Amino acid sequence: MNDAEVPRLLVRIAEALERLAPPPRPEPDFAAARVFRHDARRGAFLPAPDFPLELDLLVGVERQKAAVLRTLRRFADGRPVNHVLLWGARGTGKSSLLKAAFATVARETPALRLVEVDRDEITALPALFDDLRGRGERFVVLCDDLSFEEGAAAAKALKSALEGGVSGPPGNVLFAATSNRRHLMPRGHGEDGGPLKAAEDAEEEVSVSDRFGLWLGFPPMDQAAYLAAVRGYAERRGLTEPDLEARALQWSRQRGGRSGRVAWQFIQELAGEQTDDDGKGIPEADLRPG
């Protein structure tokens, strides 16, 4: 290779490296919305619609409502708070309560934002927290249905994010998670590794859930709360049915349990049935218990 060819070769190498380099991360526009989904692969914050369910439609969880509202208002005001774990039976309104409470407090505090992360992207949490650190907004980071099916890597990433390393956790970030399990790990985790491995996994489970200072349990709905949810959703949809409660109970027996989600599904069925009867559409309502 002669000296004249060297500059051309360097240009070709530089062009090849530029093609291989990842695209620049988009600058987040947190003025575009109050609710965002985080795309860890691109490092992007995708605006999402506000959560439409009103908090008063969630029944049977008054203690949990009060605790979440109190925590979010303290956080919005810049006061000390604990990270939040909402755990319990499926369909009892854990994520709906968190999102509806956020919507309530966000109307009072313009700088409050919600960022939802996928449970499969927990390993990206430390980087996400660093991206949010020092910004003027205050962020509730939500992971719905959190559990560590594979264990160590995601659990360590979550602990690292909540502890914040040498710089400490960001003061403008509150982490909230929902789970069907109080200690987040799958049942039977570590059993194949013998007694020592099982004991180590048990310690790891507790060490993860211990990072949450506020634990709120959601027990299965009793009959009174279930029927109250059915009546509330029916009123919201403008539905009338003489045998509403009897049919709602029959529906819950067919579904094998009572929950806010089961109540909503019954109302969806009833709305569709009445549309069949009178040929008129019943407007969709934004009711998303979960």
Protein backbone atom coordinates (compact mmCIF):
# COMPACT_ATOMS: atom_id res chain seq x y z
CA MET A 1 0.00 0.00 0.00
CA ASN A 2 1.42 3.36 -0.98
CA ASP A 3 1.10 6.58 0.96
CA ALA A 4 -1.59 7.92 -1.36
CA GLU A 5 -3.94 5.04 -0.50
CA VAL A 6 -3.74 5.51 3.28
CA PRO A 7 -6.14 8.50 3.53
CA ARG A 8 -8.75 6.66 1.41
CA LEU A 9 -8.43 3.58 3.62
CA LEU A 10 -8.88 5.66 6.77
CA VAL A 11 -12.01 7.25 5.31
CA ARG A 12 -13.45 3.82 4.48
CA ILE A 13 -12.70 2.57 8.01
CA ALA A 14 -14.34 5.65 9.52
CA GLU A 15 -17.43 5.20 7.34
CA ALA A 16 -17.67 1.51 8.29
CA LEU A 17 -17.44 2.33 12.00
CA GLU A 18 -20.13 4.98 11.62
CA ARG A 19 -22.45 2.42 10.00
CA LEU A 20 -21.82 -0.01 12.87
CA ALA A 21 -22.36 2.56 15.59
CA PRO A 22 -25.82 2.57 17.22
CA PRO A 23 -28.09 5.45 16.23
CA PRO A 24 -28.12 8.40 18.62
CA ARG A 25 -30.64 8.08 21.42
CA PRO A 26 -33.64 10.36 20.99
CA GLU A 27 -33.86 13.22 23.45
CA PRO A 28 -36.93 12.62 25.65
CA ASP A 29 -39.75 15.14 25.45
CA PHE A 30 -41.42 14.86 28.83
CA ALA A 31 -43.67 17.82 28.00
CA ALA A 32 -45.47 15.68 25.40
CA ALA A 33 -47.44 13.61 27.93
CA ARG A 34 -47.74 12.57 31.56
CA VAL A 35 -47.48 8.83 30.92
CA PHE A 36 -44.66 7.11 28.98
CA ARG A 37 -43.51 3.63 28.06
CA HIS A 38 -39.77 3.06 28.15
CA ASP A 39 -38.18 1.26 25.20
CA ALA A 40 -34.91 -0.02 26.67
CA ARG A 41 -33.56 -1.19 23.33
CA ARG A 42 -33.68 2.32 21.84
CA GLY A 43 -33.46 4.22 25.10
CA ALA A 44 -36.67 6.00 24.06
CA PHE A 45 -39.61 7.29 26.09
CA LEU A 46 -42.84 6.75 24.16
CA PRO A 47 -45.82 8.98 25.11
CA ALA A 48 -48.99 7.13 26.11
CA PRO A 49 -52.55 8.27 26.88
CA ASP A 50 -53.52 9.16 30.44
CA PHE A 51 -55.04 6.28 32.39
CA PRO A 52 -58.82 6.84 32.18
CA LEU A 53 -60.17 4.85 35.14
CA GLU A 54 -61.42 6.99 38.02
CA LEU A 55 -60.04 6.01 41.41
CA ASP A 56 -63.45 5.84 43.08
CA LEU A 57 -64.49 2.96 40.82
CA LEU A 58 -61.99 0.68 42.58
CA VAL A 59 -63.83 -0.74 45.59
CA GLY A 60 -62.79 -2.91 48.51
CA VAL A 61 -59.26 -1.47 48.64
CA GLU A 62 -59.76 1.75 50.58
CA ARG A 63 -56.73 1.24 52.83
CA GLN A 64 -54.48 0.60 49.83
CA LYS A 65 -55.89 3.64 48.00
CA ALA A 66 -55.16 5.90 50.94
CA ALA A 67 -51.60 4.59 51.33
CA VAL A 68 -50.74 4.97 47.63
CA LEU A 69 -52.27 8.45 47.40
CA ARG A 70 -50.42 9.54 50.53
CA THR A 71 -47.11 8.22 49.16
CA LEU A 72 -47.54 9.80 45.73
CA ARG A 73 -48.48 13.17 47.20
CA ARG A 74 -45.44 13.12 49.47
CA PHE A 75 -43.23 12.20 46.53
CA ALA A 76 -44.75 14.93 44.34
CA ASP A 77 -44.00 17.44 47.11
CA GLY A 78 -40.36 16.32 47.31
CA ARG A 79 -40.72 14.64 50.71
CA PRO A 80 -39.09 11.30 51.64
CA VAL A 81 -40.98 8.17 50.55
CA ASN A 82 -40.42 4.43 50.27
CA HIS A 83 -40.50 2.40 47.06
CA VAL A 84 -43.83 0.59 46.69
CA LEU A 85 -44.71 -3.07 46.15
CA LEU A 86 -48.36 -3.93 45.51
CA TRP A 87 -48.81 -7.68 45.76
CA GLY A 88 -51.68 -10.13 45.97
CA ALA A 89 -54.37 -11.99 44.08
CA ARG A 90 -54.66 -11.47 40.35
CA GLY A 91 -57.34 -9.13 39.08
CA THR A 92 -57.72 -7.25 42.36
CA GLY A 93 -56.79 -3.86 40.89
CA LYS A 94 -53.12 -3.48 41.82
CA SER A 95 -51.90 -1.79 38.64
CA SER A 96 -55.21 0.01 38.10
CA LEU A 97 -55.01 1.53 41.57
CA LEU A 98 -51.44 2.72 41.05
CA LYS A 99 -52.21 4.26 37.66
CA ALA A 100 -55.50 5.83 38.77
CA ALA A 101 -53.85 7.27 41.89
CA PHE A 102 -51.04 8.65 39.73
CA ALA A 103 -53.59 10.31 37.42
CA THR A 104 -55.26 11.90 40.45
CA VAL A 105 -52.01 13.31 41.87
CA ALA A 106 -50.64 14.30 38.45
CA ARG A 107 -53.62 16.62 37.98
CA GLU A 108 -52.46 18.39 41.14
CA THR A 109 -48.71 18.35 40.32
CA PRO A 110 -47.79 19.28 36.72
CA ALA A 111 -44.19 18.01 37.04
CA LEU A 112 -45.19 14.42 37.91
CA ARG A 113 -44.62 11.74 35.24
CA LEU A 114 -45.23 7.98 35.02
CA VAL A 115 -42.76 5.75 33.14
CA GLU A 116 -43.80 2.14 32.66
CA VAL A 117 -41.09 -0.48 32.11
CA ASP A 118 -41.48 -4.06 30.96
CA ARG A 119 -40.54 -6.72 33.49
CA ASP A 120 -38.23 -8.27 30.88
CA GLU A 121 -36.21 -5.03 30.83
CA ILE A 122 -35.43 -4.83 34.54
CA THR A 123 -31.73 -5.19 33.77
CA ALA A 124 -31.93 -1.76 32.10
CA LEU A 125 -33.22 -0.05 35.26
CA PRO A 126 -29.86 1.33 36.50
CA ALA A 127 -29.29 3.06 33.15
CA LEU A 128 -32.87 4.34 33.10
CA PHE A 129 -32.52 5.80 36.60
CA ASP A 130 -29.30 7.54 35.52
CA ASP A 131 -31.16 9.05 32.54
CA LEU A 132 -33.83 10.47 34.86
CA ARG A 133 -31.45 11.66 37.55
CA GLY A 134 -31.25 15.42 37.93
CA ARG A 135 -34.17 16.29 35.66
CA GLY A 136 -36.77 18.82 36.78
CA GLU A 137 -39.65 16.35 36.57
CA ARG A 138 -40.45 13.76 39.23
CA PHE A 139 -40.89 10.21 37.94
CA VAL A 140 -42.92 7.26 39.14
CA VAL A 141 -41.33 4.23 37.43
CA LEU A 142 -43.81 1.34 37.29
CA CYS A 143 -43.15 -2.31 36.54
CA ASP A 144 -46.34 -4.33 36.27
CA ASP A 145 -46.42 -8.05 37.14
CA LEU A 146 -42.82 -8.10 38.34
CA SER A 147 -41.14 -11.44 39.04
CA PHE A 148 -37.73 -12.91 38.42
CA GLU A 149 -38.33 -16.14 36.55
CA GLU A 150 -34.63 -16.61 35.86
CA GLY A 151 -33.40 -15.06 39.10
CA ALA A 152 -30.03 -13.45 39.59
CA ALA A 153 -29.31 -10.94 36.78
CA ALA A 154 -32.62 -9.06 36.94
CA ALA A 155 -32.74 -9.21 40.75
CA LYS A 156 -29.25 -7.74 41.03
CA ALA A 157 -30.10 -5.00 38.51
CA LEU A 158 -33.18 -4.02 40.51
CA LYS A 159 -31.23 -3.91 43.76
CA SER A 160 -28.53 -1.85 42.08
CA ALA A 161 -31.08 0.62 40.73
CA LEU A 162 -32.86 1.05 44.07
CA GLU A 163 -29.60 1.45 45.98
CA GLY A 164 -28.11 3.75 43.35
CA GLY A 165 -24.47 2.64 43.65
CA VAL A 166 -21.93 5.17 44.90
CA SER A 167 -24.11 8.12 43.84
CA GLY A 168 -27.23 6.88 45.66
CA PRO A 169 -30.71 6.47 44.15
CA PRO A 170 -32.14 9.44 42.23
CA GLY A 171 -34.17 11.70 44.50
CA ASN A 172 -36.66 12.40 41.71
CA VAL A 173 -37.54 8.71 41.07
CA LEU A 174 -40.03 6.52 42.93
CA PHE A 175 -40.12 2.86 41.90
CA ALA A 176 -43.41 0.97 42.14
CA ALA A 177 -44.09 -2.65 41.21
CA THR A 178 -47.05 -5.00 41.18
CA SER A 179 -46.70 -8.74 41.66
CA ASN A 180 -48.76 -11.80 42.44
CA ARG A 181 -45.97 -12.86 44.83
CA ARG A 182 -44.88 -11.05 47.94
CA HIS A 183 -41.24 -12.03 47.49
CA LEU A 184 -41.26 -11.72 43.67
CA MET A 185 -39.40 -14.99 42.93
CA PRO A 186 -41.24 -17.92 41.29
CA ARG A 187 -42.38 -20.71 43.57
CA GLY A 188 -39.93 -23.57 43.73
CA HIS A 189 -37.05 -21.33 42.66
CA GLY A 190 -33.74 -22.96 43.52
CA GLU A 191 -35.17 -26.33 44.57
CA ASP A 192 -33.12 -28.18 41.96
CA GLY A 193 -29.85 -26.95 43.47
CA GLY A 194 -30.15 -28.72 46.82
CA PRO A 195 -30.64 -27.33 50.35
CA LEU A 196 -27.74 -24.86 50.18
CA LYS A 197 -28.90 -23.40 46.87
CA ALA A 198 -32.48 -23.21 48.14
CA ALA A 199 -31.33 -21.33 51.25
CA GLU A 200 -29.29 -18.91 49.15
CA ASP A 201 -32.25 -18.29 46.84
CA ALA A 202 -34.54 -17.69 49.82
CA GLU A 203 -32.10 -15.06 51.12
CA GLU A 204 -31.94 -13.49 47.66
CA GLU A 205 -35.74 -13.35 47.47
CA VAL A 206 -36.03 -11.51 50.76
CA SER A 207 -33.16 -9.16 49.91
CA VAL A 208 -34.99 -8.07 46.74
CA SER A 209 -38.38 -7.48 48.33
CA ASP A 210 -36.73 -5.75 51.29
CA ARG A 211 -35.80 -2.88 48.96
CA PHE A 212 -39.48 -1.91 49.02
CA GLY A 213 -40.31 0.00 52.18
CA LEU A 214 -44.05 -0.01 51.52
CA TRP A 215 -45.76 -3.37 50.99
CA LEU A 216 -49.49 -3.34 50.26
CA GLY A 217 -51.40 -6.63 50.06
CA PHE A 218 -54.50 -7.17 47.90
CA PRO A 219 -56.58 -10.11 49.15
CA PRO A 220 -59.25 -11.79 47.02
CA MET A 221 -62.53 -9.86 46.84
CA ASP A 222 -65.37 -10.81 49.14
CA GLN A 223 -68.89 -10.95 47.75
CA ALA A 224 -69.95 -7.50 48.95
CA ALA A 225 -66.97 -5.78 47.31
CA TYR A 226 -67.46 -7.75 44.10
CA LEU A 227 -71.11 -6.75 43.83
CA ALA A 228 -70.24 -3.13 44.61
CA ALA A 229 -67.76 -3.20 41.71
CA VAL A 230 -70.41 -4.69 39.42
CA ARG A 231 -72.92 -1.97 40.35
CA GLY A 232 -70.32 0.77 39.86
CA TYR A 233 -69.30 -0.47 36.42
CA ALA A 234 -72.93 -0.96 35.37
CA GLU A 235 -73.77 2.61 36.39
CA ARG A 236 -70.71 3.91 34.51
CA ARG A 237 -71.87 2.10 31.37
CA GLY A 238 -75.51 3.13 31.78
CA LEU A 239 -76.65 -0.51 31.97
CA THR A 240 -79.88 -1.68 33.60
CA GLU A 241 -80.54 -5.33 34.45
CA PRO A 242 -83.23 -6.54 36.91
CA ASP A 243 -81.18 -9.60 37.92
CA LEU A 244 -77.83 -7.82 37.90
CA GLU A 245 -76.45 -9.19 41.18
CA ALA A 246 -77.72 -12.75 40.71
CA ARG A 247 -76.24 -12.91 37.23
CA ALA A 248 -72.97 -11.35 38.41
CA LEU A 249 -72.65 -14.03 41.10
CA GLN A 250 -73.37 -16.77 38.59
CA TRP A 251 -70.70 -15.29 36.31
CA SER A 252 -68.13 -15.28 39.14
CA ARG A 253 -68.85 -18.95 39.90
CA GLN A 254 -68.27 -19.81 36.26
CA ARG A 255 -65.01 -17.86 36.32
CA GLY A 256 -63.86 -19.58 39.50
CA GLY A 257 -63.51 -16.47 41.69
CA ARG A 258 -64.39 -12.87 42.41
CA SER A 259 -62.24 -9.88 41.46
CA GLY A 260 -62.48 -6.44 39.90
CA ARG A 261 -61.39 -7.95 36.60
CA VAL A 262 -64.15 -10.58 36.73
CA ALA A 263 -66.70 -7.85 37.53
CA TRP A 264 -65.54 -5.83 34.53
CA GLN A 265 -65.67 -8.88 32.24
CA PHE A 266 -69.24 -9.56 33.36
CA ILE A 267 -70.19 -5.96 32.54
CA GLN A 268 -68.54 -6.27 29.12
CA GLU A 269 -70.62 -9.38 28.44
CA LEU A 270 -73.80 -7.69 29.65
CA ALA A 271 -73.13 -4.63 27.48
CA GLY A 272 -72.65 -6.81 24.42
CA GLU A 273 -75.79 -8.79 25.21
CA GLN A 274 -77.92 -5.65 25.50
CA THR A 275 -76.50 -4.43 22.21
CA ASP A 276 -77.70 -7.69 20.65
CA ASP A 277 -81.16 -7.17 22.16
CA ASP A 278 -81.87 -3.58 21.09
CA GLY A 279 -79.54 -3.16 18.12
CA LYS A 280 -78.05 0.00 19.61
CA GLY A 281 -74.43 0.40 20.49
CA ILE A 282 -73.43 0.95 24.09
CA PRO A 283 -70.39 3.24 24.23
CA GLU A 284 -67.17 1.63 25.33
CA ALA A 285 -65.99 2.65 28.79
CA ASP A 286 -62.39 2.82 29.84
CA LEU A 287 -62.55 0.33 32.69
CA ARG A 288 -59.39 -1.68 33.05
CA PRO A 289 -59.11 -3.42 36.40
CA GLY A 290 -55.92 -5.41 36.80
